Protein backbone atom coordinates (compact mmCIF):
# COMPACT_ATOMS: atom_id res chain seq x y z
CA MET A 1 7.04 11.66 6.05
CA THR A 2 8.45 13.67 3.15
CA PHE A 3 7.40 13.45 -0.49
CA ASP A 4 9.54 12.28 -3.38
CA ARG A 5 8.99 10.18 -6.47
CA SER A 6 11.80 7.69 -5.90
CA ILE A 7 10.87 4.02 -5.90
CA LYS A 8 9.70 2.81 -2.50
CA ILE A 9 9.21 -0.86 -1.65
CA ALA A 10 6.41 -1.57 0.83
CA PRO A 11 6.33 -5.24 1.89
CA SER A 12 2.85 -6.37 2.89
CA ILE A 13 2.80 -8.15 6.23
CA LEU A 14 -0.09 -10.22 4.91
CA ALA A 15 2.73 -12.48 3.67
CA ALA A 16 4.68 -12.40 6.94
CA ASP A 17 4.70 -14.85 9.86
CA PHE A 18 1.48 -14.01 11.73
CA ALA A 19 2.95 -15.29 14.99
CA ASN A 20 5.93 -12.95 14.81
CA PHE A 21 4.80 -9.62 13.34
CA GLY A 22 6.98 -7.31 15.41
CA ALA A 23 10.17 -9.13 14.52
CA GLU A 24 9.07 -9.43 10.89
CA CYS A 25 8.58 -5.67 10.63
CA GLU A 26 12.03 -5.07 12.08
CA ALA A 27 13.55 -7.64 9.73
CA ILE A 28 12.10 -6.23 6.52
CA GLU A 29 13.13 -2.69 7.43
CA ALA A 30 16.64 -3.86 8.27
CA GLN A 31 16.71 -5.55 4.86
CA GLY A 32 15.79 -2.40 2.95
CA ALA A 33 12.01 -1.94 3.06
CA ASP A 34 10.96 1.70 2.77
CA TRP A 35 7.41 1.34 4.08
CA VAL A 36 5.50 -1.39 5.91
CA HIS A 37 2.12 -2.11 4.31
CA VAL A 38 -0.75 -3.36 6.48
CA ASP A 39 -3.72 -4.90 4.65
CA VAL A 40 -6.84 -4.54 6.82
CA MET A 41 -9.73 -6.76 5.64
CA ASP A 42 -13.16 -7.14 7.19
CA GLY A 43 -14.77 -10.21 5.61
CA HIS A 44 -17.47 -7.89 4.25
CA PHE A 45 -15.96 -5.51 1.71
CA VAL A 46 -13.51 -8.28 0.79
CA PRO A 47 -13.77 -12.05 1.38
CA ASN A 48 -11.11 -12.29 4.09
CA ILE A 49 -10.49 -11.09 7.66
CA THR A 50 -7.06 -9.91 8.76
CA PHE A 51 -6.08 -7.18 11.25
CA GLY A 52 -7.49 -4.31 13.27
CA PRO A 53 -6.28 -1.19 15.09
CA ALA A 54 -4.98 -3.16 18.08
CA MET A 55 -2.56 -5.10 15.89
CA CYS A 56 -1.40 -1.88 14.22
CA ALA A 57 -0.74 -0.35 17.63
CA ALA A 58 1.20 -3.46 18.66
CA ILE A 59 3.56 -3.36 15.68
CA ARG A 60 4.00 0.41 15.56
CA PRO A 61 6.94 0.39 18.04
CA HIS A 62 8.69 -2.11 15.75
CA ILE A 63 8.44 0.14 12.66
CA LYS A 64 10.91 3.00 12.28
CA GLY A 65 9.61 4.22 8.94
CA VAL A 66 6.18 4.61 7.34
CA MET A 67 3.26 2.42 8.43
CA ASP A 68 0.97 2.31 5.40
CA VAL A 69 -2.51 1.11 6.41
CA HIS A 70 -4.77 -0.05 3.59
CA LEU A 71 -8.40 -0.33 4.72
CA MET A 72 -10.30 -2.89 2.68
CA ILE A 73 -13.33 -2.41 4.88
CA SER A 74 -16.81 -0.92 4.68
CA PRO A 75 -17.83 1.32 6.31
CA VAL A 76 -14.54 3.16 6.78
CA ASP A 77 -15.32 6.36 8.65
CA PRO A 78 -16.08 4.87 12.10
CA TYR A 79 -12.58 3.33 12.25
CA ILE A 80 -10.38 6.18 11.00
CA ASP A 81 -9.60 7.63 14.42
CA ALA A 82 -8.71 4.21 15.84
CA PHE A 83 -6.18 3.52 13.09
CA ALA A 84 -4.78 7.05 13.42
CA ARG A 85 -4.31 6.54 17.16
CA ALA A 86 -2.66 3.19 16.39
CA GLY A 87 0.11 5.06 14.59
CA ALA A 88 -0.74 4.89 10.90
CA ASP A 89 1.21 7.35 8.76
CA VAL A 90 -1.02 6.75 5.73
CA ILE A 91 -4.62 5.52 5.78
CA THR A 92 -6.04 4.43 2.43
CA ALA A 93 -9.76 3.89 1.84
CA HIS A 94 -11.42 2.42 -1.24
CA VAL A 95 -13.50 4.71 -3.39
CA GLU A 96 -15.92 1.76 -3.74
CA ALA A 97 -16.35 1.29 0.03
CA GLY A 98 -18.93 4.00 0.58
CA PRO A 99 -20.90 6.87 -0.93
CA HIS A 100 -18.82 9.74 0.48
CA ILE A 101 -15.13 9.32 -0.32
CA HIS A 102 -14.65 13.10 -0.09
CA ARG A 103 -15.88 13.04 3.51
CA THR A 104 -13.69 10.03 4.26
CA LEU A 105 -10.56 11.78 2.98
CA GLN A 106 -11.48 14.85 5.01
CA ALA A 107 -11.75 12.68 8.12
CA ILE A 108 -8.40 10.98 7.48
CA ARG A 109 -6.60 14.28 7.06
CA GLY A 110 -8.48 15.66 10.04
CA ALA A 111 -7.01 12.85 12.12
CA GLY A 112 -3.53 14.08 11.22
CA VAL A 113 -2.74 11.27 8.78
CA LYS A 114 -1.86 11.22 5.08
CA ALA A 115 -4.93 10.30 3.03
CA GLY A 116 -4.96 7.60 0.39
CA VAL A 117 -7.66 6.39 -1.99
CA ALA A 118 -7.67 2.95 -3.60
CA LEU A 119 -9.16 1.89 -6.93
CA ASN A 120 -10.20 -1.68 -7.68
CA PRO A 121 -9.34 -3.07 -11.13
CA GLY A 122 -12.85 -2.33 -12.43
CA THR A 123 -12.86 1.29 -11.24
CA PRO A 124 -11.61 3.93 -13.70
CA ALA A 125 -9.08 6.64 -12.97
CA SER A 126 -11.82 9.24 -13.46
CA ALA A 127 -13.31 8.20 -10.11
CA VAL A 128 -10.69 10.31 -8.32
CA ALA A 129 -10.65 13.30 -10.68
CA ASP A 130 -12.50 15.57 -8.26
CA ILE A 131 -10.60 14.62 -5.09
CA LEU A 132 -6.98 14.89 -6.21
CA ASP A 133 -6.32 18.02 -4.18
CA MET A 134 -7.18 16.26 -0.92
CA THR A 135 -5.34 13.03 -1.72
CA ASP A 136 -1.77 12.14 -0.77
CA LEU A 137 -1.70 8.66 -2.34
CA ILE A 138 -3.62 6.74 -4.99
CA CYS A 139 -3.44 2.96 -4.65
CA VAL A 140 -4.06 1.12 -7.92
CA MET A 141 -5.14 -2.44 -7.25
CA THR A 142 -3.56 -4.85 -9.71
CA VAL A 143 -5.50 -7.76 -8.23
CA ASN A 144 -9.04 -7.94 -6.91
CA PRO A 145 -8.64 -7.25 -3.19
CA GLY A 146 -9.05 -9.91 -0.54
CA PHE A 147 -6.16 -12.36 -0.77
CA GLY A 148 -2.41 -12.36 -1.26
CA GLY A 149 -0.57 -14.29 -3.92
CA GLN A 150 -2.90 -13.46 -6.81
CA LYS A 151 -1.88 -13.02 -10.44
CA PHE A 152 -1.04 -9.49 -11.58
CA ILE A 153 -3.71 -7.66 -13.61
CA ASP A 154 -2.20 -5.17 -16.05
CA MET A 155 -3.37 -1.68 -15.07
CA THR A 156 -0.60 0.28 -16.78
CA ALA A 157 -3.02 2.34 -18.88
CA LYS A 158 -4.83 3.45 -15.71
CA ILE A 159 -1.52 4.28 -14.00
CA LYS A 160 -0.44 6.43 -16.95
CA THR A 161 -3.79 8.24 -16.92
CA LEU A 162 -3.47 8.92 -13.20
CA ARG A 163 0.08 10.18 -13.60
CA GLU A 164 -1.12 12.67 -16.22
CA MET A 165 -4.04 13.72 -14.01
CA ILE A 166 -1.77 14.26 -11.00
CA GLY A 167 0.60 16.60 -12.82
CA ASP A 168 2.90 18.29 -10.30
CA ARG A 169 0.75 17.51 -7.26
CA PRO A 170 2.63 15.69 -4.46
CA ILE A 171 0.64 12.48 -4.78
CA HIS A 172 2.15 9.00 -4.62
CA ILE A 173 0.93 6.28 -6.98
CA GLU A 174 1.01 2.96 -5.17
CA ILE A 175 0.59 -0.46 -6.77
CA ASP A 176 -0.87 -3.34 -4.77
CA GLY A 177 -1.07 -6.87 -6.14
CA GLY A 178 1.23 -9.25 -7.95
CA VAL A 179 4.30 -7.01 -7.81
CA ASP A 180 7.57 -8.85 -8.44
CA PRO A 181 10.74 -8.23 -10.49
CA LYS A 182 8.83 -9.00 -13.70
CA THR A 183 5.89 -6.65 -13.10
CA ALA A 184 7.71 -3.88 -11.22
CA PRO A 185 9.20 -2.33 -14.39
CA LEU A 186 5.77 -2.15 -16.03
CA VAL A 187 4.18 -0.16 -13.23
CA ALA A 188 7.24 2.02 -12.56
CA GLN A 189 7.54 2.98 -16.19
CA ALA A 190 3.85 3.92 -16.17
CA GLY A 191 4.44 6.30 -13.24
CA ALA A 192 4.12 4.39 -9.96
CA ASP A 193 6.54 5.07 -7.11
CA VAL A 194 5.30 2.90 -4.19
CA LEU A 195 5.31 -0.86 -4.85
CA VAL A 196 3.54 -3.17 -2.42
CA ALA A 197 5.00 -6.67 -2.47
CA GLY A 198 3.76 -9.58 -0.38
CA SER A 199 4.94 -13.05 -1.24
CA ALA A 200 7.58 -11.62 -3.62
CA ALA A 201 9.19 -9.77 -0.70
CA PHE A 202 8.93 -12.47 1.96
CA LYS A 203 9.57 -15.63 -0.06
CA GLY A 204 12.44 -17.81 1.08
CA GLY A 205 13.16 -15.90 4.27
CA SER A 206 12.25 -15.77 7.94
CA VAL A 207 13.06 -13.78 11.05
CA SER A 208 15.90 -16.20 11.75
CA ASN A 209 17.06 -16.02 8.12
CA PRO A 210 16.18 -12.53 6.86
CA ALA A 211 18.79 -12.25 4.11
CA PRO A 212 16.36 -13.46 1.40
CA TYR A 213 14.08 -10.53 2.29
CA GLY A 214 16.89 -8.18 1.33
CA ASP A 215 17.61 -10.09 -1.86
CA ASN A 216 13.93 -9.92 -2.82
CA ILE A 217 13.55 -6.22 -2.03
CA ARG A 218 16.72 -5.32 -3.94
CA ALA A 219 15.58 -7.35 -6.95
CA ILE A 220 12.21 -5.59 -7.09
CA ARG A 221 13.80 -2.17 -6.62
CA ALA A 222 16.47 -2.77 -9.26
CA ALA A 223 13.88 -3.98 -11.76
CA ALA A 224 11.69 -0.92 -11.16
CA GLU A 225 14.50 1.60 -11.21
CA GLY A 226 15.82 0.16 -14.45
CA THR A 227 12.93 1.71 -16.38
CA TYR A 228 11.59 4.39 -14.07
CA VAL A 229 11.25 7.86 -15.61
């Protein structure tokens, strides 16, 4: 996994066919996805329950590129090794999920995985000011976490602040929530480079008819790259 600031589209399998995850992962990659985003929810930190390490391990052989695991769970630390063993390339924990985000990031990197930190809409950019040098990715939530298909919350000011804080550090800024061709230019122009898209990536397609996935991914990428600086 090499670092660059080009636009990367990371479809969230939360919007995929739950009965056919392996084939869905293969289909979205074949149609141009850069990363595969896995939203892990526990019914405690967020009001929904989704996937665990066993599911990540099951889909890993079907993913050629980056498996981006977003842990919307609390506590986080007891599960880091399991998700690392399941094949995660990036593990992202929420700064709000526990009292020791520094320790959590240490544990993620110690497991041999890139370390991400996520910020809910109500959490300021300053929350990560003292952990930038041990962070590989900052995920800015543009919805309140827990469900797909929510309306985009404008966090462009926070994204711009983070981009200034990061400077020349090799840290990705990822956007999760409500990304589509209309919102992609806003976040890309502000400094984001990884765009998570759920329903906007999967709408209209299926494993047996994957062409719409490619159309959707290309539309989001083109919209973002049109204003990216």
